[in-house]
Every structure is written in structure tokens, then in C-alpha cells.
Amino acid sequence: MAETQQVRNNSNEEEGEVVEIVTTTGDVHVLEEQPPHFTSDSAQRLIQDIMFCNQDLDIIKQKKK
């Protein structure tokens, strides 16, 4: 049996607010605001974080030898 969903969306709701979804089974799912899409700046910071983690892993691997 398919489960239908109702989304409560008040006209005074602003973008970025929490939305509550109530299913026909009575389950309640709360959806929080998602972060905006990656920008080149945030992508660059993520890449740098990954590179630093890889360096740390290389150091740990060298110490285990």
C-alpha cells in the first residue's frame, strides 16, 4: 500500500524554515533547511581539508612501518 504525504506549508513561512511532513500512517518527519549548493570557495576549503587528512594518514602509515 502506497504511503501518501502531506506537507504543511503556511503562507507566512519563509525560506529556510523547518517543514513538517505528516504521513497517513501518523509518522512525522521534520525536514531542516539544507545548506546552499557548493560554491567554489567552499569546494576549495573541502578539498584542502581532505588533503590535510590524507597527509595525516600518510604520517600514521609511516609510523606503523
N, C-alpha and C. Protein backbone atom coordinates (compact mmCIF):
# COMPACT_ATOMS: atom_id res chain seq x y z
N MET A 1 0.85 -1.18 0.00
CA MET A 1 0.00 0.00 0.00
C MET A 1 0.90 1.24 0.00
N ALA A 2 0.66 2.13 -0.90
CA ALA A 2 1.48 3.34 -1.01
C ALA A 2 1.18 4.31 0.12
N GLU A 3 2.20 4.99 0.54
CA GLU A 3 2.07 5.95 1.63
C GLU A 3 2.04 7.36 1.05
N THR A 4 1.00 8.10 1.35
CA THR A 4 0.92 9.47 0.86
C THR A 4 1.44 10.42 1.92
N GLN A 5 1.86 11.58 1.49
CA GLN A 5 2.42 12.56 2.41
C GLN A 5 1.72 13.90 2.23
N GLN A 6 1.56 14.60 3.32
CA GLN A 6 1.03 15.95 3.29
C GLN A 6 2.11 16.87 3.82
N VAL A 7 2.34 17.95 3.15
CA VAL A 7 3.34 18.92 3.59
C VAL A 7 2.62 20.13 4.14
N ARG A 8 2.92 20.46 5.38
CA ARG A 8 2.33 21.65 5.99
C ARG A 8 3.18 22.85 5.59
N ASN A 9 2.58 23.74 4.85
CA ASN A 9 3.32 24.91 4.38
C ASN A 9 2.43 26.13 4.58
N ASN A 10 2.67 26.87 5.64
CA ASN A 10 1.88 28.06 5.92
C ASN A 10 2.30 29.18 4.99
N SER A 11 1.37 30.06 4.66
CA SER A 11 1.67 31.16 3.76
C SER A 11 2.68 32.13 4.37
N ASN A 12 2.79 32.15 5.70
CA ASN A 12 3.74 33.06 6.34
C ASN A 12 5.11 32.42 6.53
N GLU A 13 5.30 31.21 6.01
CA GLU A 13 6.58 30.52 6.13
C GLU A 13 7.61 31.17 5.23
N GLU A 14 8.80 31.37 5.75
CA GLU A 14 9.88 31.94 4.96
C GLU A 14 10.82 30.84 4.52
N GLU A 15 11.60 31.13 3.51
CA GLU A 15 12.58 30.16 3.03
C GLU A 15 13.56 29.85 4.14
N GLY A 16 13.89 28.57 4.29
CA GLY A 16 14.86 28.17 5.29
C GLY A 16 14.25 27.71 6.59
N GLU A 17 12.93 27.78 6.72
CA GLU A 17 12.29 27.33 7.94
C GLU A 17 12.13 25.81 7.90
N VAL A 18 11.89 25.23 9.06
CA VAL A 18 11.68 23.80 9.17
C VAL A 18 10.29 23.46 8.66
N VAL A 19 10.19 22.40 7.87
CA VAL A 19 8.92 21.95 7.32
C VAL A 19 8.60 20.60 7.95
N GLU A 20 7.34 20.40 8.32
CA GLU A 20 6.92 19.14 8.93
C GLU A 20 6.08 18.37 7.93
N ILE A 21 6.43 17.10 7.72
CA ILE A 21 5.68 16.22 6.83
C ILE A 21 5.00 15.17 7.69
N VAL A 22 3.68 15.04 7.55
CA VAL A 22 2.92 14.04 8.30
C VAL A 22 2.41 13.01 7.30
N THR A 23 2.74 11.74 7.53
CA THR A 23 2.30 10.68 6.63
C THR A 23 0.95 10.15 7.09
N THR A 24 0.30 9.37 6.22
CA THR A 24 -1.01 8.82 6.57
C THR A 24 -0.89 7.78 7.68
N THR A 25 0.30 7.26 7.91
CA THR A 25 0.49 6.29 9.00
C THR A 25 0.69 6.98 10.33
N GLY A 26 0.74 8.31 10.32
CA GLY A 26 0.91 9.05 11.56
C GLY A 26 2.35 9.40 11.88
N ASP A 27 3.28 8.94 11.06
CA ASP A 27 4.69 9.28 11.27
C ASP A 27 4.90 10.75 10.98
N VAL A 28 5.80 11.36 11.71
CA VAL A 28 6.13 12.77 11.49
C VAL A 28 7.60 12.86 11.13
N HIS A 29 7.89 13.48 10.02
CA HIS A 29 9.26 13.69 9.58
C HIS A 29 9.52 15.19 9.56
N VAL A 30 10.58 15.61 10.22
CA VAL A 30 10.92 17.03 10.25
C VAL A 30 12.11 17.25 9.33
N LEU A 31 11.93 18.13 8.38
CA LEU A 31 12.99 18.43 7.42
C LEU A 31 13.58 19.79 7.75
N GLU A 32 14.89 19.82 7.94
CA GLU A 32 15.55 21.08 8.23
C GLU A 32 16.10 21.68 6.95
N GLU A 33 16.42 22.94 7.02
CA GLU A 33 16.97 23.65 5.86
C GLU A 33 18.26 22.99 5.41
N GLN A 34 18.38 22.80 4.12
CA GLN A 34 19.60 22.25 3.55
C GLN A 34 20.58 23.38 3.26
N PRO A 35 21.87 23.12 3.41
CA PRO A 35 22.82 24.18 3.08
C PRO A 35 22.78 24.49 1.59
N PRO A 36 23.17 25.69 1.21
CA PRO A 36 23.16 26.04 -0.21
C PRO A 36 24.15 25.18 -0.99
N HIS A 37 24.02 25.21 -2.30
CA HIS A 37 24.92 24.44 -3.15
C HIS A 37 26.36 24.89 -2.92
N PHE A 38 27.28 24.00 -3.27
CA PHE A 38 28.69 24.32 -3.11
C PHE A 38 29.05 25.55 -3.94
N THR A 39 29.85 26.39 -3.36
CA THR A 39 30.46 27.48 -4.11
C THR A 39 31.89 27.06 -4.38
N SER A 40 32.57 27.76 -5.23
CA SER A 40 33.97 27.40 -5.49
C SER A 40 34.81 27.57 -4.23
N ASP A 41 34.45 28.54 -3.39
CA ASP A 41 35.20 28.76 -2.14
C ASP A 41 35.00 27.60 -1.18
N SER A 42 33.75 27.16 -1.00
CA SER A 42 33.50 26.06 -0.06
C SER A 42 34.08 24.75 -0.60
N ALA A 43 34.06 24.58 -1.91
CA ALA A 43 34.65 23.38 -2.51
C ALA A 43 36.16 23.38 -2.30
N GLN A 44 36.79 24.53 -2.44
CA GLN A 44 38.23 24.63 -2.23
C GLN A 44 38.59 24.31 -0.79
N ARG A 45 37.79 24.81 0.17
CA ARG A 45 38.05 24.51 1.58
C ARG A 45 37.89 23.02 1.86
N LEU A 46 36.90 22.39 1.26
CA LEU A 46 36.69 20.96 1.44
C LEU A 46 37.87 20.17 0.87
N ILE A 47 38.33 20.56 -0.29
CA ILE A 47 39.48 19.89 -0.90
C ILE A 47 40.71 20.03 -0.01
N GLN A 48 40.94 21.22 0.55
CA GLN A 48 42.08 21.42 1.44
C GLN A 48 41.97 20.54 2.68
N ASP A 49 40.77 20.44 3.25
CA ASP A 49 40.57 19.58 4.42
C ASP A 49 40.89 18.13 4.09
N ILE A 50 40.47 17.67 2.94
CA ILE A 50 40.74 16.30 2.52
C ILE A 50 42.24 16.09 2.34
N MET A 51 42.91 17.06 1.74
CA MET A 51 44.36 16.94 1.55
C MET A 51 45.09 16.86 2.88
N PHE A 52 44.68 17.67 3.86
CA PHE A 52 45.31 17.62 5.18
C PHE A 52 45.07 16.26 5.84
N CYS A 53 43.87 15.73 5.70
CA CYS A 53 43.57 14.41 6.27
C CYS A 53 44.42 13.33 5.61
N ASN A 54 44.60 13.43 4.30
CA ASN A 54 45.44 12.46 3.60
C ASN A 54 46.88 12.53 4.07
N GLN A 55 47.38 13.75 4.32
CA GLN A 55 48.74 13.90 4.84
C GLN A 55 48.86 13.25 6.22
N ASP A 56 47.86 13.47 7.06
CA ASP A 56 47.86 12.85 8.39
C ASP A 56 47.85 11.33 8.29
N LEU A 57 47.06 10.79 7.37
CA LEU A 57 47.01 9.34 7.18
C LEU A 57 48.35 8.80 6.70
N ASP A 58 49.02 9.53 5.81
CA ASP A 58 50.34 9.11 5.34
C ASP A 58 51.34 9.08 6.49
N ILE A 59 51.28 10.06 7.37
CA ILE A 59 52.19 10.10 8.53
C ILE A 59 51.92 8.91 9.44
N ILE A 60 50.66 8.61 9.67
CA ILE A 60 50.30 7.47 10.53
C ILE A 60 50.79 6.17 9.90
N LYS A 61 50.62 6.02 8.59
CA LYS A 61 51.08 4.81 7.90
C LYS A 61 52.59 4.66 8.02
N GLN A 62 53.33 5.75 7.90
CA GLN A 62 54.79 5.71 8.00
C GLN A 62 55.22 5.29 9.41
N LYS A 63 54.52 5.75 10.42
CA LYS A 63 54.86 5.41 11.81
C LYS A 63 54.60 3.94 12.10
N LYS A 64 53.64 3.32 11.42
CA LYS A 64 53.31 1.91 11.65
C LYS A 64 54.32 0.97 11.02
N LYS A 65 55.12 1.45 10.09
CA LYS A 65 56.09 0.58 9.40
C LYS A 65 57.26 0.25 10.27
